[in-house]
Amino acid sequence: MRIRIKFFEKVFNHAEESLQDASHLFSTQHPIASTVRAVINLEAAGTTGREILFQATSEEMIQAYSHVPRPFGTIFANDIFSSGIILSDTDFRQFEQYMNVTGLDIAIVGNSYLYHMRKDLVENIQAGVAQNMAENVLALLHYLSEE
């Protein structure tokens, strides 16, 4: 079963430290929120390495992700994130909780010790990291939009 993409919007918020205000408002008050059927949440809490799929809410979305050029994910990452050991959260929770949609949560996490520190700078992003994520997301969107 394929999911048809009707609309794609990234909530640029830089408000993750304030309880995902933008994603919460989008999920609960935006006029198009009720039309969203799936979410692909992209995060970066690091500067190196492959992005990792660490949360998925349906078999269909996992199947779609299997069609990207360089898939990388593990149930172990989901278990660690869900356990509360990592004192962090992503916008994905807002979308899942308030819009009740299926989706994927994907993040770059290598060198995460730099996150929100003085060395959290563009020049410390490993060459190819953004390109790899972009190619995977483009392939994912292409697969999801096929009829």
N, C-alpha and C. Protein backbone atom coordinates (compact mmCIF):
# COMPACT_ATOMS: atom_id res chain seq x y z
N MET A 1 0.84 -1.19 0.00
CA MET A 1 0.00 0.00 0.00
C MET A 1 0.88 1.24 0.00
N ARG A 2 0.67 2.12 -0.92
CA ARG A 2 1.46 3.34 -1.04
C ARG A 2 0.71 4.51 -0.42
N ILE A 3 1.47 5.42 0.15
CA ILE A 3 0.90 6.64 0.71
C ILE A 3 1.06 7.73 -0.33
N ARG A 4 0.02 8.43 -0.63
CA ARG A 4 0.06 9.49 -1.63
C ARG A 4 0.42 10.81 -0.95
N ILE A 5 1.39 11.48 -1.49
CA ILE A 5 1.82 12.75 -0.92
C ILE A 5 1.01 13.87 -1.55
N LYS A 6 0.30 14.60 -0.71
CA LYS A 6 -0.49 15.73 -1.19
C LYS A 6 0.16 17.05 -0.80
N PHE A 7 0.92 17.03 0.29
CA PHE A 7 1.50 18.26 0.80
C PHE A 7 2.72 17.92 1.62
N PHE A 8 3.77 18.71 1.48
CA PHE A 8 4.97 18.49 2.26
C PHE A 8 5.41 19.83 2.82
N GLU A 9 5.53 19.90 4.12
CA GLU A 9 5.97 21.13 4.76
C GLU A 9 6.88 20.77 5.91
N LYS A 10 7.98 21.45 6.00
CA LYS A 10 8.87 21.30 7.13
C LYS A 10 8.60 22.45 8.08
N VAL A 11 8.37 22.14 9.32
CA VAL A 11 8.15 23.17 10.31
C VAL A 11 9.53 23.60 10.81
N PHE A 12 10.00 24.74 10.31
CA PHE A 12 11.28 25.27 10.77
C PHE A 12 11.00 26.03 12.06
N ASN A 13 11.52 25.51 13.15
CA ASN A 13 11.12 26.17 14.38
C ASN A 13 12.25 26.54 15.33
N HIS A 14 13.31 25.81 15.37
CA HIS A 14 14.36 26.05 16.35
C HIS A 14 13.76 26.21 17.75
N ALA A 15 12.72 25.47 18.04
CA ALA A 15 12.04 25.59 19.32
C ALA A 15 11.97 24.26 20.04
N GLU A 16 12.93 23.37 19.73
CA GLU A 16 12.86 22.06 20.36
C GLU A 16 13.08 22.13 21.87
N GLU A 17 13.82 23.13 22.32
CA GLU A 17 14.04 23.25 23.75
C GLU A 17 12.83 23.82 24.49
N SER A 18 11.88 24.34 23.75
CA SER A 18 10.68 24.89 24.40
C SER A 18 9.47 24.02 24.09
N LEU A 19 9.67 22.71 24.16
CA LEU A 19 8.59 21.73 24.04
C LEU A 19 7.96 21.68 22.65
N GLN A 20 8.75 21.89 21.62
CA GLN A 20 8.28 21.79 20.24
C GLN A 20 7.07 22.68 19.97
N ASP A 21 7.17 23.94 20.31
CA ASP A 21 6.05 24.86 20.16
C ASP A 21 5.51 24.90 18.73
N ALA A 22 6.39 25.03 17.74
CA ALA A 22 5.93 25.16 16.35
C ALA A 22 5.24 23.89 15.87
N SER A 23 5.84 22.72 16.15
CA SER A 23 5.21 21.48 15.70
C SER A 23 3.90 21.23 16.45
N HIS A 24 3.85 21.63 17.71
CA HIS A 24 2.61 21.49 18.47
C HIS A 24 1.50 22.37 17.88
N LEU A 25 1.83 23.62 17.60
CA LEU A 25 0.84 24.53 17.03
C LEU A 25 0.40 24.07 15.65
N PHE A 26 1.37 23.61 14.82
CA PHE A 26 1.00 23.09 13.51
C PHE A 26 0.03 21.92 13.67
N SER A 27 0.36 20.99 14.55
CA SER A 27 -0.43 19.77 14.74
C SER A 27 -1.83 20.04 15.27
N THR A 28 -1.95 21.05 16.09
CA THR A 28 -3.24 21.29 16.76
C THR A 28 -4.07 22.43 16.17
N GLN A 29 -3.42 23.34 15.40
CA GLN A 29 -4.17 24.52 14.96
C GLN A 29 -4.06 24.86 13.48
N HIS A 30 -3.12 24.28 12.76
CA HIS A 30 -2.97 24.66 11.35
C HIS A 30 -4.14 24.09 10.53
N PRO A 31 -4.68 24.87 9.60
CA PRO A 31 -5.84 24.42 8.82
C PRO A 31 -5.59 23.16 7.99
N ILE A 32 -4.36 22.90 7.59
CA ILE A 32 -4.13 21.70 6.78
C ILE A 32 -3.70 20.48 7.59
N ALA A 33 -3.55 20.64 8.90
CA ALA A 33 -3.07 19.52 9.73
C ALA A 33 -3.93 18.27 9.54
N SER A 34 -5.20 18.42 9.39
CA SER A 34 -6.09 17.26 9.26
C SER A 34 -5.92 16.53 7.93
N THR A 35 -5.22 17.16 6.97
CA THR A 35 -5.02 16.51 5.67
C THR A 35 -3.71 15.72 5.61
N VAL A 36 -2.85 15.89 6.60
CA VAL A 36 -1.55 15.20 6.61
C VAL A 36 -1.78 13.73 6.95
N ARG A 37 -1.18 12.85 6.17
CA ARG A 37 -1.35 11.40 6.37
C ARG A 37 -0.07 10.72 6.82
N ALA A 38 1.07 11.36 6.61
CA ALA A 38 2.35 10.79 7.02
C ALA A 38 3.35 11.91 7.25
N VAL A 39 4.31 11.66 8.13
CA VAL A 39 5.33 12.65 8.47
C VAL A 39 6.71 12.02 8.34
N ILE A 40 7.61 12.76 7.75
CA ILE A 40 9.02 12.39 7.74
C ILE A 40 9.73 13.51 8.50
N ASN A 41 10.14 13.23 9.71
CA ASN A 41 10.78 14.23 10.56
C ASN A 41 12.29 14.08 10.44
N LEU A 42 12.97 15.17 10.07
CA LEU A 42 14.42 15.16 9.92
C LEU A 42 15.04 15.98 11.04
N GLU A 43 16.00 15.36 11.71
CA GLU A 43 16.67 16.00 12.84
C GLU A 43 18.18 15.95 12.63
N ALA A 44 18.89 16.84 13.30
CA ALA A 44 20.34 16.79 13.35
C ALA A 44 20.78 17.18 14.75
N ALA A 45 21.28 16.20 15.47
CA ALA A 45 21.83 16.44 16.81
C ALA A 45 23.31 16.08 16.79
N GLY A 46 23.88 16.11 15.61
CA GLY A 46 25.28 15.79 15.43
C GLY A 46 25.75 16.33 14.10
N THR A 47 27.01 16.01 13.76
CA THR A 47 27.61 16.59 12.57
C THR A 47 28.25 15.56 11.64
N THR A 48 28.26 14.31 12.03
CA THR A 48 28.95 13.30 11.22
C THR A 48 28.13 12.02 11.12
N GLY A 49 28.51 11.22 10.14
CA GLY A 49 27.94 9.89 9.99
C GLY A 49 26.64 9.86 9.20
N ARG A 50 26.20 8.64 8.97
CA ARG A 50 24.94 8.43 8.27
C ARG A 50 23.78 8.81 9.18
N GLU A 51 22.71 9.28 8.58
CA GLU A 51 21.52 9.51 9.39
C GLU A 51 20.94 8.15 9.77
N ILE A 52 20.28 8.11 10.91
CA ILE A 52 19.73 6.86 11.40
C ILE A 52 18.22 6.98 11.56
N LEU A 53 17.52 5.97 11.07
CA LEU A 53 16.09 5.87 11.30
C LEU A 53 15.93 5.32 12.71
N PHE A 54 15.34 6.10 13.63
CA PHE A 54 15.24 5.63 15.01
C PHE A 54 13.81 5.56 15.54
N GLN A 55 12.86 6.00 14.76
CA GLN A 55 11.46 5.80 15.12
C GLN A 55 10.65 5.62 13.83
N ALA A 56 9.77 4.64 13.85
CA ALA A 56 8.87 4.40 12.73
C ALA A 56 7.57 3.88 13.31
N THR A 57 6.46 4.32 12.73
CA THR A 57 5.17 3.96 13.34
C THR A 57 4.30 3.04 12.50
N SER A 58 4.84 2.56 11.37
CA SER A 58 4.05 1.60 10.60
C SER A 58 4.95 0.76 9.71
N GLU A 59 4.47 -0.41 9.41
CA GLU A 59 5.20 -1.30 8.51
C GLU A 59 5.30 -0.69 7.12
N GLU A 60 4.26 0.03 6.68
CA GLU A 60 4.26 0.66 5.36
C GLU A 60 5.39 1.69 5.24
N MET A 61 5.60 2.46 6.29
CA MET A 61 6.66 3.47 6.23
C MET A 61 8.04 2.81 6.30
N ILE A 62 8.18 1.74 7.03
CA ILE A 62 9.45 1.01 7.06
C ILE A 62 9.72 0.41 5.68
N GLN A 63 8.70 -0.13 5.06
CA GLN A 63 8.84 -0.68 3.71
C GLN A 63 9.25 0.42 2.74
N ALA A 64 8.66 1.59 2.86
CA ALA A 64 9.03 2.71 1.99
C ALA A 64 10.48 3.09 2.21
N TYR A 65 10.90 3.14 3.47
CA TYR A 65 12.29 3.50 3.79
C TYR A 65 13.28 2.48 3.23
N SER A 66 12.87 1.26 3.09
CA SER A 66 13.78 0.23 2.57
C SER A 66 14.17 0.50 1.12
N HIS A 67 13.50 1.42 0.46
CA HIS A 67 13.79 1.74 -0.94
C HIS A 67 14.75 2.91 -1.11
N VAL A 68 15.26 3.47 -0.02
CA VAL A 68 16.23 4.57 -0.17
C VAL A 68 17.59 3.98 -0.54
N PRO A 69 18.48 4.78 -1.15
CA PRO A 69 19.76 4.24 -1.60
C PRO A 69 20.65 3.72 -0.47
N ARG A 70 20.63 4.37 0.68
CA ARG A 70 21.49 3.97 1.79
C ARG A 70 20.70 3.93 3.10
N PRO A 71 19.81 2.95 3.27
CA PRO A 71 19.02 2.87 4.50
C PRO A 71 19.91 2.51 5.69
N PHE A 72 19.58 3.08 6.84
CA PHE A 72 20.33 2.76 8.06
C PHE A 72 19.42 2.99 9.25
N GLY A 73 19.14 1.95 9.96
CA GLY A 73 18.30 2.06 11.14
C GLY A 73 18.38 0.78 11.94
N THR A 74 17.96 0.85 13.18
CA THR A 74 17.99 -0.31 14.05
C THR A 74 16.93 -0.18 15.14
N ILE A 75 16.37 -1.29 15.51
CA ILE A 75 15.39 -1.28 16.61
C ILE A 75 16.05 -0.87 17.92
N PHE A 76 17.33 -1.13 18.01
CA PHE A 76 18.09 -0.75 19.20
C PHE A 76 18.04 0.77 19.41
N ALA A 77 18.19 1.53 18.33
CA ALA A 77 18.11 3.00 18.43
C ALA A 77 16.74 3.43 18.91
N ASN A 78 15.69 2.78 18.42
CA ASN A 78 14.33 3.08 18.86
C ASN A 78 14.17 2.77 20.35
N ASP A 79 14.68 1.63 20.77
CA ASP A 79 14.55 1.23 22.17
C ASP A 79 15.27 2.21 23.10
N ILE A 80 16.46 2.62 22.72
CA ILE A 80 17.21 3.56 23.54
C ILE A 80 16.48 4.89 23.61
N PHE A 81 16.05 5.41 22.46
CA PHE A 81 15.37 6.70 22.45
C PHE A 81 14.07 6.64 23.24
N SER A 82 13.32 5.57 23.08
CA SER A 82 12.03 5.43 23.76
C SER A 82 12.16 5.18 25.26
N SER A 83 13.32 4.72 25.70
CA SER A 83 13.52 4.37 27.11
C SER A 83 13.58 5.58 28.02
N GLY A 84 13.93 6.74 27.47
CA GLY A 84 14.09 7.92 28.30
C GLY A 84 15.52 8.15 28.76
N ILE A 85 16.42 7.25 28.39
CA ILE A 85 17.84 7.42 28.74
C ILE A 85 18.38 8.70 28.13
N ILE A 86 17.98 8.96 26.89
CA ILE A 86 18.37 10.19 26.22
C ILE A 86 17.34 11.25 26.57
N LEU A 87 17.77 12.27 27.26
CA LEU A 87 16.85 13.31 27.71
C LEU A 87 16.60 14.31 26.59
N SER A 88 15.90 13.84 25.59
CA SER A 88 15.62 14.65 24.41
C SER A 88 14.32 14.18 23.78
N ASP A 89 13.83 14.97 22.89
CA ASP A 89 12.61 14.63 22.18
C ASP A 89 12.69 15.28 20.81
N THR A 90 11.81 14.88 19.90
CA THR A 90 11.77 15.50 18.58
C THR A 90 10.36 15.93 18.26
N ASP A 91 10.23 16.72 17.21
CA ASP A 91 8.92 17.18 16.76
C ASP A 91 8.01 16.02 16.39
N PHE A 92 8.60 14.89 16.07
CA PHE A 92 7.84 13.71 15.67
C PHE A 92 6.77 13.35 16.69
N ARG A 93 7.10 13.49 17.97
CA ARG A 93 6.13 13.16 19.03
C ARG A 93 4.86 14.00 18.91
N GLN A 94 5.02 15.29 18.60
CA GLN A 94 3.86 16.16 18.45
C GLN A 94 2.98 15.70 17.29
N PHE A 95 3.62 15.38 16.16
CA PHE A 95 2.87 14.94 14.99
C PHE A 95 2.14 13.63 15.27
N GLU A 96 2.85 12.71 15.89
CA GLU A 96 2.26 11.40 16.18
C GLU A 96 1.12 11.52 17.20
N GLN A 97 1.35 12.27 18.25
CA GLN A 97 0.37 12.38 19.33
C GLN A 97 -0.88 13.17 18.93
N TYR A 98 -0.70 14.29 18.28
CA TYR A 98 -1.84 15.17 18.02
C TYR A 98 -2.47 15.00 16.64
N MET A 99 -1.71 14.51 15.67
CA MET A 99 -2.28 14.31 14.34
C MET A 99 -2.56 12.84 14.07
N ASN A 100 -2.04 11.97 14.95
CA ASN A 100 -2.27 10.53 14.82
C ASN A 100 -1.92 10.03 13.42
N VAL A 101 -0.71 10.39 12.97
CA VAL A 101 -0.26 9.99 11.65
C VAL A 101 0.90 9.00 11.74
N THR A 102 1.09 8.27 10.68
CA THR A 102 2.22 7.38 10.56
C THR A 102 3.44 8.19 10.15
N GLY A 103 4.63 7.65 10.39
CA GLY A 103 5.79 8.41 9.96
C GLY A 103 7.11 7.79 10.34
N LEU A 104 8.15 8.56 10.02
CA LEU A 104 9.53 8.17 10.29
C LEU A 104 10.23 9.34 10.98
N ASP A 105 11.12 9.02 11.90
CA ASP A 105 11.95 10.00 12.59
C ASP A 105 13.40 9.63 12.29
N ILE A 106 14.10 10.53 11.62
CA ILE A 106 15.44 10.26 11.11
C ILE A 106 16.36 11.36 11.61
N ALA A 107 17.58 10.98 12.07
CA ALA A 107 18.49 11.99 12.61
C ALA A 107 19.95 11.69 12.30
N ILE A 108 20.72 12.75 12.21
CA ILE A 108 22.17 12.67 12.17
C ILE A 108 22.63 12.83 13.61
N VAL A 109 23.43 11.89 14.11
CA VAL A 109 23.80 11.93 15.53
C VAL A 109 25.29 11.79 15.81
N GLY A 110 26.11 11.56 14.79
CA GLY A 110 27.55 11.45 15.02
C GLY A 110 28.13 12.74 15.56
N ASN A 111 29.04 12.65 16.50
CA ASN A 111 29.64 13.81 17.18
C ASN A 111 28.57 14.63 17.89
N SER A 112 27.60 13.95 18.47
CA SER A 112 26.50 14.67 19.13
C SER A 112 26.96 15.47 20.33
N TYR A 113 28.17 15.21 20.81
CA TYR A 113 28.68 15.99 21.94
C TYR A 113 28.90 17.46 21.55
N LEU A 114 28.91 17.76 20.25
CA LEU A 114 29.05 19.14 19.79
C LEU A 114 27.72 19.90 19.79
N TYR A 115 26.61 19.17 19.87
CA TYR A 115 25.28 19.75 19.74
C TYR A 115 25.06 20.86 20.77
N HIS A 116 24.74 22.05 20.30
CA HIS A 116 24.51 23.24 21.12
C HIS A 116 25.73 23.66 21.93
N MET A 117 26.91 23.34 21.43
CA MET A 117 28.14 23.76 22.08
C MET A 117 28.84 24.77 21.15
N ARG A 118 29.95 25.33 21.62
CA ARG A 118 30.66 26.34 20.82
C ARG A 118 31.14 25.79 19.48
N LYS A 119 31.43 24.51 19.40
CA LYS A 119 31.92 23.92 18.15
C LYS A 119 30.80 23.34 17.29
N ASP A 120 29.55 23.67 17.61
CA ASP A 120 28.41 23.27 16.79
C ASP A 120 28.30 24.25 15.63
N LEU A 121 29.23 24.09 14.67
CA LEU A 121 29.40 25.03 13.57
C LEU A 121 29.31 24.31 12.23
N VAL A 122 28.92 25.04 11.20
CA VAL A 122 28.79 24.49 9.86
C VAL A 122 30.09 23.82 9.42
N GLU A 123 31.23 24.43 9.73
CA GLU A 123 32.50 23.86 9.27
C GLU A 123 32.82 22.50 9.90
N ASN A 124 32.10 22.11 10.94
CA ASN A 124 32.31 20.80 11.56
C ASN A 124 31.38 19.72 11.02
N ILE A 125 30.55 20.07 10.05
CA ILE A 125 29.68 19.08 9.42
C ILE A 125 30.51 18.29 8.42
N GLN A 126 30.52 17.00 8.58
CA GLN A 126 31.29 16.12 7.70
C GLN A 126 30.79 16.23 6.26
N ALA A 127 31.74 16.31 5.34
CA ALA A 127 31.40 16.37 3.92
C ALA A 127 30.53 15.17 3.55
N GLY A 128 29.46 15.43 2.83
CA GLY A 128 28.59 14.36 2.36
C GLY A 128 27.42 14.01 3.26
N VAL A 129 27.42 14.48 4.49
CA VAL A 129 26.35 14.14 5.43
C VAL A 129 25.00 14.66 4.93
N ALA A 130 24.94 15.93 4.58
CA ALA A 130 23.68 16.51 4.10
C ALA A 130 23.27 15.90 2.77
N GLN A 131 24.23 15.64 1.90
CA GLN A 131 23.95 15.04 0.60
C GLN A 131 23.33 13.66 0.77
N ASN A 132 23.90 12.86 1.66
CA ASN A 132 23.39 11.50 1.90
C ASN A 132 21.94 11.55 2.41
N MET A 133 21.69 12.44 3.37
CA MET A 133 20.34 12.55 3.91
C MET A 133 19.37 13.01 2.83
N ALA A 134 19.80 14.00 2.04
CA ALA A 134 18.94 14.54 0.98
C ALA A 134 18.61 13.47 -0.06
N GLU A 135 19.60 12.69 -0.46
CA GLU A 135 19.36 11.64 -1.45
C GLU A 135 18.40 10.59 -0.91
N ASN A 136 18.54 10.23 0.35
CA ASN A 136 17.64 9.25 0.95
C ASN A 136 16.21 9.79 1.05
N VAL A 137 16.08 11.04 1.46
CA VAL A 137 14.74 11.64 1.60
C VAL A 137 14.09 11.80 0.23
N LEU A 138 14.85 12.22 -0.75
CA LEU A 138 14.30 12.36 -2.10
C LEU A 138 13.80 11.02 -2.62
N ALA A 139 14.57 9.96 -2.42
CA ALA A 139 14.15 8.62 -2.86
C ALA A 139 12.90 8.18 -2.09
N LEU A 140 12.84 8.49 -0.82
CA LEU A 140 11.69 8.14 0.01
C LEU A 140 10.43 8.86 -0.49
N LEU A 141 10.55 10.15 -0.75
CA LEU A 141 9.41 10.91 -1.26
C LEU A 141 8.98 10.41 -2.64
N HIS A 142 9.94 10.09 -3.45
CA HIS A 142 9.63 9.56 -4.78
C HIS A 142 8.85 8.25 -4.65
N TYR A 143 9.32 7.36 -3.80
CA TYR A 143 8.64 6.07 -3.60
C TYR A 143 7.22 6.29 -3.06
N LEU A 144 7.08 7.15 -2.07
CA LEU A 144 5.77 7.37 -1.46
C LEU A 144 4.78 8.03 -2.43
N SER A 145 5.31 8.77 -3.40
CA SER A 145 4.40 9.47 -4.32
C SER A 145 4.10 8.67 -5.59
N GLU A 146 4.71 7.50 -5.76
CA GLU A 146 4.40 6.68 -6.93
C GLU A 146 2.96 6.19 -6.85
N GLU A 147 2.35 6.05 -8.00
CA GLU A 147 0.97 5.57 -8.01
C GLU A 147 0.92 4.11 -8.32
